[in-house]
Amino acid sequence: MTYIPLTRCAALASQARTANRPHRIVQPAVESAELAHRLLNLPVDERLTHVAALDDAVLLDVMVALDRHTGSAYELWRDTPSGFAVDVLGLTLDEELRAALDAVADPDARRVAARIPGIDNHTAAAVLLAWTALVSCPRPYGDGPRLAVSIAPYRATSASVWRILARFIDNACLPGRLDLQRGGWWADALEGPQRIMAFATWNTTPHSMGGLHQYVAIVADADRIADPDMRATMTFLADNAYGPSRLVALGGTTDEPEEWFSLYESCDQVTAPAGAQ
């Protein structure tokens, strides 16, 4: 993955977070708060068009207002992971990848499966980790922050996803502290209470995931999982009735093994590349 220049929205979000650090006192103008409210209530496409047309100073004031009132300077992209990937992370997406990412934002879809071949599988997982960790909680998640859980069948897969996430954090000046060795991403203590935003696990067992609530579990290379414990964990997470959480299974090929067909078919949202069976 090559270096991606800092985007306009990423730079302004970083400035907005700095303006709202605890030792500073910032009171957004009423006009900025009202504009932020109006933007959040627009349809996604219309909102992103308005955001692109705003002057930097106006957009910065809107982000400051959102960061102060929702805890996230990235709230304008709370229902569009693909918009977050383009506007904040600076990625270029095709229509299939856009559809796969945005399926995760559907508030009624708790189980999502997408077939994303090649390196896009790991990139999509890293995008969803960043988006999940940085936006606040749209309904039905409640008022607390969500936790992103990265699940992979092998350490190599997990390492690849987290290296891409680290590149996103560096390129887009995203907040927090990333520990690649332990697979953890913590919020910056200067920007509020320190908390875990995302963590990685692999070949885990169902009972070890039983206490998770308010999470988004993102599984990269889901078609390659062969370990019985991992399959049991996936089934447990997909069927878990406790907590407003969700599972995102990202398959890397179009020839998933038979045992995964039932999982894909039982999902609320399934996206596949054109021509896939």
Protein backbone atom coordinates (compact mmCIF):
# COMPACT_ATOMS: atom_id res chain seq x y z
CA MET A 1 0.00 0.00 0.00
CA THR A 2 1.51 3.30 -1.09
CA TYR A 3 1.57 6.59 0.80
CA ILE A 4 -1.69 8.53 0.60
CA PRO A 5 -1.44 12.32 1.08
CA LEU A 6 -3.33 13.92 3.97
CA THR A 7 -6.84 14.75 2.80
CA ARG A 8 -8.61 18.03 3.48
CA CYS A 9 -11.21 16.39 5.72
CA ALA A 10 -8.60 14.44 7.69
CA ALA A 11 -6.56 17.60 8.31
CA LEU A 12 -9.60 19.57 9.47
CA ALA A 13 -10.77 16.73 11.73
CA SER A 14 -7.33 16.66 13.35
CA GLN A 15 -7.54 20.42 13.98
CA ALA A 16 -11.05 20.04 15.41
CA ARG A 17 -9.88 17.37 17.87
CA THR A 18 -7.00 19.62 18.97
CA ALA A 19 -9.37 22.55 19.51
CA ASN A 20 -11.52 20.41 21.83
CA ARG A 21 -8.79 18.96 24.04
CA PRO A 22 -9.68 19.13 27.76
CA HIS A 23 -7.34 22.01 28.58
CA ARG A 24 -8.97 24.24 25.95
CA ILE A 25 -12.36 25.92 26.22
CA VAL A 26 -14.17 26.03 22.88
CA GLN A 27 -17.76 27.08 22.46
CA PRO A 28 -18.92 26.57 18.86
CA ALA A 29 -21.06 29.30 17.37
CA VAL A 30 -24.79 28.65 17.29
CA GLU A 31 -24.71 28.85 13.49
CA SER A 32 -22.07 26.09 13.34
CA ALA A 33 -24.07 23.81 15.62
CA GLU A 34 -27.23 24.38 13.59
CA LEU A 35 -25.40 23.69 10.34
CA ALA A 36 -23.94 20.50 11.81
CA HIS A 37 -27.42 19.36 12.83
CA ARG A 38 -28.82 20.07 9.37
CA LEU A 39 -25.99 18.20 7.67
CA LEU A 40 -26.45 15.12 9.84
CA ASN A 41 -30.11 14.96 8.85
CA LEU A 42 -29.45 15.09 5.11
CA PRO A 43 -29.27 11.95 2.95
CA VAL A 44 -25.69 10.71 2.61
CA ASP A 45 -25.07 11.77 -1.00
CA GLU A 46 -26.55 15.22 -0.45
CA ARG A 47 -24.60 15.67 2.80
CA LEU A 48 -21.26 14.75 1.22
CA THR A 49 -21.95 17.15 -1.67
CA HIS A 50 -22.57 19.96 0.84
CA VAL A 51 -19.45 19.06 2.81
CA ALA A 52 -17.31 19.20 -0.34
CA ALA A 53 -18.66 22.69 -1.10
CA LEU A 54 -18.05 24.19 2.37
CA ASP A 55 -15.12 26.53 2.99
CA ASP A 56 -12.40 25.10 5.20
CA ALA A 57 -13.16 27.51 8.04
CA VAL A 58 -16.86 26.65 8.03
CA LEU A 59 -16.23 22.90 7.85
CA LEU A 60 -13.73 23.16 10.71
CA ASP A 61 -16.33 24.92 12.88
CA VAL A 62 -18.85 22.18 12.06
CA MET A 63 -16.35 19.46 13.01
CA VAL A 64 -15.51 21.26 16.26
CA ALA A 65 -19.23 21.39 17.10
CA LEU A 66 -19.71 17.70 16.28
CA ASP A 67 -16.62 16.65 18.22
CA ARG A 68 -17.81 18.60 21.25
CA HIS A 69 -21.38 17.27 21.22
CA THR A 70 -20.93 13.70 19.92
CA GLY A 71 -17.32 12.91 20.83
CA SER A 72 -16.35 12.40 17.20
CA ALA A 73 -14.94 14.87 14.68
CA TYR A 74 -15.79 12.27 12.00
CA GLU A 75 -19.53 12.22 12.68
CA LEU A 76 -20.38 13.50 9.20
CA TRP A 77 -19.50 9.99 7.97
CA ARG A 78 -21.32 8.04 10.69
CA ASP A 79 -23.54 6.21 8.17
CA THR A 80 -21.17 5.91 5.22
CA PRO A 81 -17.95 3.90 5.64
CA SER A 82 -17.23 4.38 1.93
CA GLY A 83 -17.50 8.16 2.27
CA PHE A 84 -15.15 7.98 5.26
CA ALA A 85 -12.69 5.92 3.21
CA VAL A 86 -12.71 8.44 0.36
CA ASP A 87 -12.97 11.79 2.17
CA VAL A 88 -10.87 11.05 5.25
CA LEU A 89 -8.56 8.17 4.31
CA GLY A 90 -8.08 9.28 0.70
CA LEU A 91 -8.87 5.93 -0.93
CA THR A 92 -10.27 5.37 -4.40
CA LEU A 93 -13.09 2.80 -4.37
CA ASP A 94 -14.94 0.94 -7.09
CA GLU A 95 -18.71 0.45 -6.85
CA GLU A 96 -18.43 -3.12 -5.53
CA LEU A 97 -16.18 -2.12 -2.66
CA ARG A 98 -18.41 0.86 -1.87
CA ALA A 99 -21.43 -1.44 -1.65
CA ALA A 100 -19.62 -3.88 0.62
CA LEU A 101 -18.48 -1.14 3.01
CA ASP A 102 -21.80 0.68 3.17
CA ALA A 103 -23.72 -2.52 3.89
CA VAL A 104 -22.13 -2.39 7.35
CA ALA A 105 -23.79 0.98 8.05
CA ASP A 106 -27.31 -0.45 7.69
CA PRO A 107 -28.74 -0.16 11.23
CA ASP A 108 -30.95 -3.22 10.67
CA ALA A 109 -28.17 -5.55 9.48
CA ARG A 110 -26.43 -7.27 12.37
CA ARG A 111 -24.76 -9.89 10.17
CA VAL A 112 -23.04 -8.83 6.96
CA ALA A 113 -21.07 -10.96 4.52
CA ALA A 114 -19.11 -9.62 1.58
CA ARG A 115 -16.89 -11.32 -0.98
CA ILE A 116 -13.96 -9.00 -1.60
CA PRO A 117 -11.10 -10.68 -3.47
CA GLY A 118 -7.41 -9.82 -3.28
CA ILE A 119 -5.72 -7.24 -1.08
CA ASP A 120 -8.98 -5.24 -1.03
CA ASN A 121 -10.15 -7.75 1.59
CA HIS A 122 -7.55 -6.57 4.11
CA THR A 123 -7.98 -2.91 3.12
CA ALA A 124 -11.74 -3.13 3.63
CA ALA A 125 -11.20 -4.69 7.07
CA ALA A 126 -8.84 -1.87 8.06
CA VAL A 127 -11.30 0.78 6.80
CA LEU A 128 -14.11 -0.74 8.85
CA LEU A 129 -11.91 -0.91 11.94
CA ALA A 130 -11.08 2.79 11.62
CA TRP A 131 -14.66 3.82 10.85
CA THR A 132 -16.09 1.76 13.71
CA ALA A 133 -13.60 3.13 16.22
CA LEU A 134 -13.91 6.81 15.23
CA VAL A 135 -17.57 7.57 14.61
CA SER A 136 -19.97 7.78 17.53
CA CYS A 137 -22.90 5.45 17.87
CA PRO A 138 -25.78 5.84 15.43
CA ARG A 139 -28.95 4.09 16.49
CA PRO A 140 -29.49 1.34 17.53
CA TYR A 141 -26.08 1.36 19.23
CA GLY A 142 -26.99 3.71 22.08
CA ASP A 143 -24.90 6.47 23.58
CA GLY A 144 -21.58 4.75 24.29
CA PRO A 145 -18.67 4.22 21.91
CA ARG A 146 -18.44 1.06 19.85
CA LEU A 147 -15.56 -1.37 20.01
CA ALA A 148 -13.98 -2.74 16.83
CA VAL A 149 -12.81 -6.35 17.00
CA SER A 150 -10.48 -7.65 14.29
CA ILE A 151 -10.71 -11.43 13.86
CA ALA A 152 -8.48 -13.39 11.50
CA PRO A 153 -7.73 -17.10 10.95
CA TYR A 154 -3.96 -16.56 11.05
CA ARG A 155 -1.55 -14.09 12.62
CA ALA A 156 -0.27 -13.18 9.16
CA THR A 157 -3.75 -12.04 8.13
CA SER A 158 -4.16 -10.04 11.32
CA ALA A 159 -0.73 -8.46 10.88
CA SER A 160 -1.55 -7.43 7.31
CA VAL A 161 -4.83 -5.76 8.33
CA TRP A 162 -3.21 -3.91 11.20
CA ARG A 163 -0.28 -2.71 9.09
CA ILE A 164 -2.81 -1.14 6.72
CA LEU A 165 -4.64 0.38 9.70
CA ALA A 166 -1.33 1.81 10.95
CA ARG A 167 -0.77 3.39 7.54
CA PHE A 168 -4.25 4.95 7.70
CA ILE A 169 -3.53 6.36 11.17
CA ASP A 170 -0.25 7.88 9.98
CA ASN A 171 -1.49 9.20 6.63
CA ALA A 172 -4.79 10.64 7.93
CA CYS A 173 -3.55 11.83 11.36
CA LEU A 174 -6.14 9.67 13.10
CA PRO A 175 -6.24 9.86 16.90
CA GLY A 176 -5.03 7.32 19.40
CA ARG A 177 -2.08 5.03 20.01
CA LEU A 178 -1.64 1.81 18.03
CA ASP A 179 0.27 -1.20 19.34
CA LEU A 180 1.00 -3.52 16.42
CA GLN A 181 2.66 -6.14 18.60
CA ARG A 182 -0.33 -6.64 20.88
CA GLY A 183 -3.00 -5.71 18.35
CA GLY A 184 -4.57 -2.84 20.27
CA TRP A 185 -5.66 0.71 19.43
CA TRP A 186 -6.21 3.06 22.36
CA ALA A 187 -7.81 6.49 22.41
CA ASP A 188 -5.49 9.40 23.08
CA ALA A 189 -5.61 10.32 26.77
CA LEU A 190 -5.34 14.01 25.83
CA GLU A 191 -8.63 13.84 23.96
CA GLY A 192 -10.72 12.33 26.73
CA PRO A 193 -10.81 9.19 28.91
CA GLN A 194 -8.38 6.57 27.67
CA ARG A 195 -10.17 3.52 26.32
CA ILE A 196 -9.58 0.68 23.92
CA MET A 197 -11.03 1.46 20.48
CA ALA A 198 -10.05 -1.74 18.67
CA PHE A 199 -8.22 -4.97 19.33
CA ALA A 200 -7.18 -8.02 17.35
CA THR A 201 -7.71 -11.70 18.04
CA TRP A 202 -7.35 -14.93 16.06
CA ASN A 203 -8.42 -18.57 16.35
CA THR A 204 -10.36 -17.72 19.47
CA THR A 205 -13.11 -19.70 21.18
CA PRO A 206 -16.77 -18.71 21.63
CA HIS A 207 -16.68 -18.39 25.42
CA SER A 208 -13.78 -15.91 25.24
CA MET A 209 -15.96 -13.55 23.17
CA GLY A 210 -19.07 -13.94 25.29
CA GLY A 211 -18.68 -10.70 27.28
CA LEU A 212 -18.46 -8.42 24.26
CA HIS A 213 -21.23 -5.89 23.76
CA GLN A 214 -21.41 -2.78 21.59
CA TYR A 215 -18.85 -4.25 19.19
CA VAL A 216 -18.40 -4.71 15.47
CA ALA A 217 -16.53 -7.95 14.78
CA ILE A 218 -14.70 -7.74 11.44
CA VAL A 219 -13.35 -10.99 10.01
CA ALA A 220 -10.79 -10.78 7.19
CA ASP A 221 -10.23 -13.75 4.86
CA ALA A 222 -13.34 -15.39 6.28
CA ASP A 223 -13.35 -18.01 3.52
CA ARG A 224 -9.98 -19.38 4.73
CA ILE A 225 -11.09 -20.17 8.27
CA ALA A 226 -10.84 -23.91 8.83
CA ASP A 227 -10.35 -24.17 12.57
CA PRO A 228 -13.48 -25.62 14.27
CA ASP A 229 -13.16 -23.26 17.24
CA MET A 230 -13.04 -20.26 14.94
CA ARG A 231 -16.10 -21.45 13.02
CA ALA A 232 -17.93 -21.91 16.31
CA THR A 233 -16.93 -18.40 17.35
CA MET A 234 -18.23 -16.95 14.10
CA THR A 235 -21.54 -18.73 14.54
CA PHE A 236 -21.77 -17.56 18.15
CA LEU A 237 -21.13 -13.93 17.22
CA ALA A 238 -23.57 -14.03 14.32
CA ASP A 239 -26.36 -15.45 16.50
CA ASN A 240 -25.60 -13.55 19.69
CA ALA A 241 -28.83 -12.00 20.93
CA TYR A 242 -27.18 -9.89 23.64
CA GLY A 243 -26.11 -6.34 22.93
CA PRO A 244 -26.53 -4.22 19.78
CA SER A 245 -23.49 -5.69 18.04
CA ARG A 246 -22.76 -7.02 14.58
CA LEU A 247 -20.56 -9.38 12.60
CA VAL A 248 -18.91 -8.55 9.26
CA ALA A 249 -17.47 -11.54 7.37
CA LEU A 250 -15.18 -10.57 4.48
CA GLY A 251 -14.50 -13.49 2.14
CA GLY A 252 -11.49 -13.18 -0.11
CA THR A 253 -12.48 -15.50 -2.96
CA THR A 254 -15.59 -16.61 -4.82
CA ASP A 255 -15.17 -20.31 -3.94
CA GLU A 256 -15.80 -20.37 -0.20
CA PRO A 257 -15.97 -23.87 1.30
CA GLU A 258 -19.37 -25.48 1.78
CA GLU A 259 -19.52 -24.85 5.52
CA TRP A 260 -19.55 -21.10 4.93
CA PHE A 261 -22.49 -21.04 2.51
CA SER A 262 -24.98 -21.35 5.34
CA LEU A 263 -23.36 -18.42 7.16
CA TYR A 264 -23.51 -16.19 4.10
CA GLU A 265 -27.10 -17.15 3.35
CA SER A 266 -28.20 -16.42 6.92
CA CYS A 267 -26.76 -12.90 6.87
CA ASP A 268 -28.93 -9.82 6.70
CA GLN A 269 -26.81 -8.29 3.94
CA VAL A 270 -24.69 -10.13 1.37
CA THR A 271 -22.60 -8.39 -1.28
CA ALA A 272 -20.56 -10.14 -3.96
CA PRO A 273 -18.48 -9.05 -6.96
CA ALA A 274 -20.23 -8.95 -10.32
CA GLY A 275 -20.29 -12.40 -11.89
CA ALA A 276 -19.78 -14.25 -8.59
CA GLN A 277 -22.04 -17.20 -7.97
